[in-house]
Amino acid sequence: MNIVVLGGGTSPEREIALKSSKAVAEALKSAGYEVIYIDTKDGLEQLNDLAPASTIVFPILHGVGGEDGTIQAELEKRGLPYFGTKSNESLDCFDKTRSRRIMTEAGIPMAAGGTVDAQSYWSHELIAQPHVLKVTKGGSSIGTYIVRNPANINKDKVKEVFDLDERAIIEKLIDGPEITVPIFDTSALPVIEIQPPKDGEFDFENKYNGQTQELCPPETVDENIQIVAQRLSERVHKTLGARHFSRVDLMVSKDGELIVLELNTIPGMTSQSLYPKSAAVAGMAMDELVKKFVEMVIRDYNIINE
């Protein structure tokens, strides 16, 4: 059985994708598998020589080219069994305009908001209150601007968002704890509370510099709310058609209401990432976790594992 890990890529999240994919590759090796590692930045020619009957691919890529369905479509074209969400559903999840529409129509609680461009942003009704502006296609908090003081919007920050994506999502800012719920197959893992540094935001820098506390179990979120968050996240995973694993990000408002932010189809898998931390609390070390991931693919593609 060939286990192929795809990593790196060319998106702005390349460095995190390298770390995530190498962590998964090492865990697979520790679990006893022979692993072929491919940096998709160098092309996909190596995939052409692999036999579908004896190959499982792990696309561990973040951002454009990894989570938007592109690489998944390439694997489907080659008939290669792979881990993670299928191509069409990956695009639905990656494009926040699409995922907002799907979730809203399904009755999943989301913050008030919509899609804007560089012109319509300045006339949107939410601009007069605290809000979040984020690219429609991206992750790792890249291209996100949190506006807490609407009277003092930083035009350079707004420009940075629209330089990355011609369209963006504007959403009402929810004041309260942020939590995330990893999904393993179809079931929720333990909830993690995210506490950015005092007077700081959970932005790209604070996500990876070690200054943000990631508490599992949460410190300030009631146990009953955690249970509701797990069930809601399982519903989001199913509604958006995610497969094998995902991570759902939510806010808890001051009155205890849960608001879904987004679903990540390929959550970070580095040693500092939220998904492995939650799995560890659930009793699954990284090598055991990836072994179960392989078993999911074998199950769903009816692979005869000799």
Protein backbone atom coordinates (compact mmCIF):
# COMPACT_ATOMS: atom_id res chain seq x y z
CA MET A 1 0.00 0.00 0.00
CA ASN A 2 1.42 3.36 -1.08
CA ILE A 3 0.63 6.18 1.35
CA VAL A 4 1.23 9.50 -0.39
CA VAL A 5 1.25 12.78 1.52
CA LEU A 6 0.81 15.96 -0.51
CA GLY A 7 2.13 19.09 1.18
CA GLY A 8 3.55 22.54 0.68
CA GLY A 9 1.84 24.01 -2.35
CA THR A 10 1.91 27.60 -3.53
CA SER A 11 -0.73 29.38 -1.44
CA PRO A 12 0.05 32.10 1.14
CA GLU A 13 -0.33 29.30 3.69
CA ARG A 14 2.52 27.25 2.21
CA GLU A 15 4.73 27.31 5.32
CA ILE A 16 1.95 26.04 7.58
CA ALA A 17 1.02 23.42 4.97
CA LEU A 18 4.61 22.19 4.95
CA LYS A 19 4.58 21.80 8.73
CA SER A 20 1.16 20.12 8.77
CA SER A 21 1.97 17.68 5.97
CA LYS A 22 5.36 16.73 7.40
CA ALA A 23 3.78 16.14 10.81
CA VAL A 24 1.21 13.82 9.21
CA ALA A 25 3.92 12.06 7.17
CA GLU A 26 6.03 11.44 10.27
CA ALA A 27 3.01 10.16 12.19
CA LEU A 28 2.17 7.77 9.36
CA LYS A 29 5.74 6.48 9.40
CA SER A 30 5.53 6.03 13.18
CA ALA A 31 2.33 4.03 12.63
CA GLY A 32 4.26 1.66 10.39
CA TYR A 33 3.41 2.90 6.89
CA GLU A 34 5.77 3.51 3.99
CA VAL A 35 5.25 7.12 2.97
CA ILE A 36 5.90 9.01 -0.25
CA TYR A 37 6.03 12.79 0.29
CA ILE A 38 5.26 15.17 -2.59
CA ASP A 39 5.45 18.96 -2.49
CA THR A 40 2.75 20.00 -4.96
CA LYS A 41 4.79 23.10 -5.76
CA ASP A 42 6.93 20.74 -7.86
CA GLY A 43 3.93 19.38 -9.79
CA LEU A 44 1.83 16.23 -9.68
CA GLU A 45 3.66 14.05 -12.24
CA GLN A 46 4.55 11.47 -9.57
CA LEU A 47 0.85 10.71 -9.12
CA ASN A 48 0.62 9.41 -12.67
CA ASP A 49 2.68 6.32 -11.82
CA LEU A 50 0.57 5.25 -8.83
CA ALA A 51 -1.94 2.43 -9.00
CA PRO A 52 -5.36 3.32 -7.53
CA ALA A 53 -5.80 -0.17 -6.10
CA SER A 54 -2.73 0.19 -3.88
CA THR A 55 -2.58 3.92 -3.11
CA ILE A 56 -4.05 6.24 -0.53
CA VAL A 57 -3.38 9.96 -0.83
CA PHE A 58 -3.37 12.45 2.05
CA PRO A 59 -3.70 16.00 0.67
CA ILE A 60 -2.54 18.07 3.65
CA LEU A 61 -2.59 21.48 2.00
CA HIS A 62 -4.01 24.77 3.21
CA GLY A 63 -5.56 27.58 1.22
CA VAL A 64 -5.93 27.95 -2.55
CA GLY A 65 -4.98 24.79 -4.40
CA GLY A 66 -5.42 22.66 -1.32
CA GLU A 67 -8.78 23.25 0.29
CA ASP A 68 -10.69 24.68 -2.68
CA GLY A 69 -11.31 21.35 -4.42
CA THR A 70 -8.55 21.74 -7.02
CA ILE A 71 -6.24 18.99 -5.78
CA GLN A 72 -9.21 16.78 -4.91
CA ALA A 73 -10.46 17.05 -8.51
CA GLU A 74 -7.01 15.99 -9.74
CA LEU A 75 -7.09 12.93 -7.50
CA GLU A 76 -10.62 12.07 -8.62
CA LYS A 77 -9.57 12.37 -12.26
CA ARG A 78 -6.82 9.84 -11.61
CA GLY A 79 -9.14 7.56 -9.65
CA LEU A 80 -6.90 7.72 -6.57
CA PRO A 81 -8.48 7.08 -3.16
CA TYR A 82 -7.82 10.00 -0.84
CA PHE A 83 -8.43 11.26 2.65
CA GLY A 84 -10.68 14.25 3.22
CA THR A 85 -13.60 16.09 1.68
CA LYS A 86 -14.51 15.61 -1.99
CA SER A 87 -13.84 18.28 -4.62
CA ASN A 88 -17.27 19.91 -5.02
CA GLU A 89 -17.91 19.98 -1.29
CA SER A 90 -14.40 21.33 -0.67
CA LEU A 91 -15.18 24.29 -2.91
CA ASP A 92 -18.48 24.88 -1.13
CA CYS A 93 -16.70 24.95 2.22
CA PHE A 94 -13.75 27.03 1.03
CA ASP A 95 -15.83 29.76 -0.59
CA LYS A 96 -17.36 31.58 2.38
CA THR A 97 -20.11 33.07 0.22
CA ARG A 98 -21.22 29.57 -0.75
CA SER A 99 -20.85 28.06 2.71
CA ARG A 100 -22.73 30.96 4.32
CA ARG A 101 -25.61 30.45 1.90
CA ILE A 102 -25.73 26.68 2.47
CA MET A 103 -25.60 26.99 6.24
CA THR A 104 -28.08 29.86 6.42
CA GLU A 105 -30.58 27.95 4.27
CA ALA A 106 -30.15 24.96 6.60
CA GLY A 107 -30.98 27.12 9.62
CA ILE A 108 -27.48 27.03 11.11
CA PRO A 109 -26.91 30.14 13.26
CA MET A 110 -24.50 32.61 11.67
CA ALA A 111 -23.61 36.23 12.25
CA ALA A 112 -25.44 38.87 10.21
CA GLY A 113 -23.43 39.76 7.14
CA GLY A 114 -22.86 39.29 3.46
CA THR A 115 -20.42 39.52 0.56
CA VAL A 116 -18.87 42.85 -0.45
CA ASP A 117 -16.26 44.21 -2.82
CA ALA A 118 -13.87 47.13 -2.33
CA GLN A 119 -16.62 49.63 -3.22
CA SER A 120 -19.75 48.16 -1.63
CA TYR A 121 -17.93 47.55 1.66
CA TRP A 122 -17.97 51.27 2.45
CA SER A 123 -21.74 51.52 2.05
CA HIS A 124 -22.71 48.29 3.83
CA GLU A 125 -25.03 48.73 6.83
CA LEU A 126 -22.69 46.80 9.14
CA ILE A 127 -19.84 49.26 8.65
CA ALA A 128 -21.29 51.49 11.38
CA GLN A 129 -20.87 48.80 14.05
CA PRO A 130 -18.06 46.48 15.13
CA HIS A 131 -17.52 43.92 12.40
CA VAL A 132 -15.13 41.49 10.77
CA LEU A 133 -13.91 41.73 7.19
CA LYS A 134 -12.36 38.55 5.75
CA VAL A 135 -11.50 37.20 2.33
CA THR A 136 -14.04 34.81 0.83
CA LYS A 137 -11.34 32.27 -0.01
CA GLY A 138 -8.55 31.76 2.50
CA GLY A 139 -7.59 30.47 5.91
CA SER A 140 -5.10 30.69 8.79
CA SER A 141 -6.61 34.12 9.57
CA ILE A 142 -4.79 35.54 6.52
CA GLY A 143 -6.84 38.37 5.02
CA THR A 144 -8.90 39.04 8.15
CA TYR A 145 -9.45 42.49 9.63
CA ILE A 146 -11.35 42.88 12.90
CA VAL A 147 -12.92 46.32 13.27
CA ARG A 148 -13.73 47.07 16.90
CA ASN A 149 -13.93 50.83 16.45
CA PRO A 150 -16.00 51.66 13.34
CA ALA A 151 -15.16 55.36 13.71
CA ASN A 152 -11.51 54.57 13.04
CA ILE A 153 -11.37 52.04 10.19
CA ASN A 154 -7.84 51.51 8.90
CA LYS A 155 -8.07 51.92 5.13
CA ASP A 156 -4.71 50.22 4.63
CA LYS A 157 -6.00 47.11 6.45
CA VAL A 158 -9.13 47.11 4.29
CA LYS A 159 -6.95 47.42 1.17
CA GLU A 160 -4.85 44.44 2.33
CA VAL A 161 -7.99 42.29 2.45
CA PHE A 162 -9.14 43.26 -1.04
CA ASP A 163 -5.63 42.91 -2.45
CA LEU A 164 -5.89 39.23 -1.52
CA ASP A 165 -9.42 38.69 -2.79
CA GLU A 166 -11.69 40.93 -4.87
CA ARG A 167 -14.61 39.85 -2.70
CA ALA A 168 -14.81 39.60 1.07
CA ILE A 169 -17.26 38.68 3.79
CA ILE A 170 -18.45 41.32 6.23
CA GLU A 171 -19.97 39.99 9.44
CA LYS A 172 -21.19 41.47 12.67
CA LEU A 173 -18.52 41.08 15.35
CA ILE A 174 -19.63 38.66 18.06
CA ASP A 175 -18.26 39.61 21.45
CA GLY A 176 -17.51 36.49 23.48
CA PRO A 177 -15.28 33.43 23.65
CA GLU A 178 -14.16 31.74 20.45
CA ILE A 179 -14.23 27.97 20.41
CA THR A 180 -13.41 25.30 17.87
CA VAL A 181 -14.75 21.77 17.52
CA PRO A 182 -12.76 19.18 15.57
CA ILE A 183 -14.78 16.48 13.83
CA PHE A 184 -13.42 12.94 13.62
CA ASP A 185 -15.27 11.01 10.90
CA THR A 186 -18.77 12.28 11.85
CA SER A 187 -18.34 12.76 15.61
CA ALA A 188 -17.16 15.79 17.56
CA LEU A 189 -13.93 15.69 19.55
CA PRO A 190 -13.46 17.77 22.74
CA VAL A 191 -14.10 21.50 22.44
CA ILE A 192 -11.16 23.91 22.56
CA GLU A 193 -11.46 27.49 23.81
CA ILE A 194 -9.20 30.03 22.12
CA GLN A 195 -7.90 32.88 24.27
CA PRO A 196 -5.74 35.37 22.34
CA PRO A 197 -3.25 37.49 24.30
CA LYS A 198 -4.72 40.34 26.32
CA ASP A 199 -5.59 43.28 24.07
CA GLY A 200 -4.77 41.09 21.05
CA GLU A 201 -6.71 39.32 18.33
CA PHE A 202 -6.65 35.70 17.16
CA ASP A 203 -4.88 36.77 13.95
CA PHE A 204 -2.21 35.02 11.88
CA GLU A 205 0.64 36.21 14.10
CA ASN A 206 -0.99 35.26 17.40
CA LYS A 207 -2.21 31.96 15.97
CA TYR A 208 1.35 30.70 15.52
CA ASN A 209 3.59 32.66 17.92
CA GLY A 210 2.60 30.75 21.04
CA GLN A 211 0.92 33.77 22.65
CA THR A 212 -2.62 32.41 22.31
CA GLN A 213 -3.95 29.99 24.93
CA GLU A 214 -5.81 26.97 23.61
CA LEU A 215 -7.77 25.46 26.47
CA CYS A 216 -9.16 21.94 26.31
CA PRO A 217 -11.41 21.63 28.20
CA PRO A 218 -12.52 25.29 27.95
CA GLU A 219 -12.15 27.58 30.92
CA THR A 220 -15.05 30.01 30.48
CA VAL A 221 -17.58 28.01 28.44
CA ASP A 222 -20.29 26.08 30.27
CA GLU A 223 -20.26 22.29 29.80
CA ASN A 224 -23.83 22.29 28.48
CA ILE A 225 -22.88 24.89 25.85
CA GLN A 226 -19.91 22.71 24.88
CA ILE A 227 -22.23 19.74 24.29
CA VAL A 228 -24.57 21.87 22.17
CA ALA A 229 -21.52 23.15 20.24
CA GLN A 230 -20.43 19.58 19.51
CA ARG A 231 -23.85 18.59 18.19
CA LEU A 232 -24.08 21.79 16.13
CA SER A 233 -20.61 21.22 14.67
CA GLU A 234 -21.52 17.67 13.69
CA ARG A 235 -24.54 19.13 11.90
CA VAL A 236 -22.37 21.70 10.10
CA HIS A 237 -19.98 18.93 9.01
CA LYS A 238 -22.89 16.92 7.59
CA THR A 239 -24.68 19.91 6.03
CA LEU A 240 -21.60 21.03 4.11
CA GLY A 241 -20.76 17.48 3.02
CA ALA A 242 -17.38 17.34 4.74
CA ARG A 243 -15.74 13.92 4.91
CA HIS A 244 -13.38 12.13 7.33
CA PHE A 245 -12.31 15.19 9.34
CA SER A 246 -12.89 18.89 9.69
CA ARG A 247 -12.84 21.65 12.28
CA VAL A 248 -15.74 24.00 12.97
CA ASP A 249 -15.04 27.46 14.40
CA LEU A 250 -17.72 29.16 16.50
CA MET A 251 -18.30 32.15 18.75
CA VAL A 252 -20.21 32.10 22.01
CA SER A 253 -22.16 35.33 22.48
CA LYS A 254 -22.57 36.99 25.86
CA ASP A 255 -26.01 35.42 26.23
CA GLY A 256 -24.67 31.94 25.46
CA GLU A 257 -25.83 31.76 21.85
CA LEU A 258 -23.60 29.80 19.48
CA ILE A 259 -22.67 31.42 16.16
CA VAL A 260 -20.88 29.40 13.47
CA LEU A 261 -17.99 31.14 11.74
CA GLU A 262 -16.78 28.53 9.26
CA LEU A 263 -15.71 24.95 8.65
CA ASN A 264 -12.15 24.04 7.76
CA THR A 265 -11.89 20.93 5.56
CA ILE A 266 -8.13 20.53 6.14
CA PRO A 267 -7.41 21.88 9.62
CA GLY A 268 -3.85 22.45 10.73
CA MET A 269 -2.02 19.29 11.77
CA THR A 270 1.22 20.73 13.16
CA SER A 271 2.38 20.04 16.71
CA GLN A 272 0.84 23.40 17.65
CA SER A 273 -2.46 22.84 15.83
CA LEU A 274 -5.87 22.58 17.42
CA TYR A 275 -7.04 19.32 15.86
CA PRO A 276 -4.21 17.10 17.19
CA LYS A 277 -4.49 18.74 20.62
CA SER A 278 -8.18 17.91 20.86
CA ALA A 279 -7.58 14.36 19.59
CA ALA A 280 -4.90 13.90 22.25
CA VAL A 281 -7.38 14.92 24.96
CA ALA A 282 -9.76 12.31 23.49
CA GLY A 283 -7.00 9.73 23.95
CA MET A 284 -5.65 9.55 20.40
CA ALA A 285 -1.94 10.19 19.92
CA MET A 286 -0.92 11.40 16.45
CA ASP A 287 0.23 8.01 15.15
CA GLU A 288 -3.01 6.35 16.31
CA LEU A 289 -5.04 9.20 14.82
CA VAL A 290 -3.53 8.92 11.33
CA LYS A 291 -3.91 5.12 11.43
CA LYS A 292 -7.64 5.63 11.98
CA PHE A 293 -7.63 8.11 9.10
CA VAL A 294 -6.16 5.42 6.81
CA GLU A 295 -8.86 3.01 7.99
CA MET A 296 -11.56 5.53 7.03
CA VAL A 297 -10.25 5.68 3.46
CA ILE A 298 -10.01 1.89 3.25
CA ARG A 299 -13.62 1.69 4.44
CA ASP A 300 -15.03 4.33 2.10
CA TYR A 301 -13.21 3.13 -1.03
CA ASN A 302 -13.67 -0.58 -0.28
CA ILE A 303 -9.92 -1.14 -0.52
CA ILE A 304 -8.69 -4.67 0.03
CA ASN A 305 -5.77 -4.13 2.37
CA GLU A 306 -3.45 -7.09 2.00
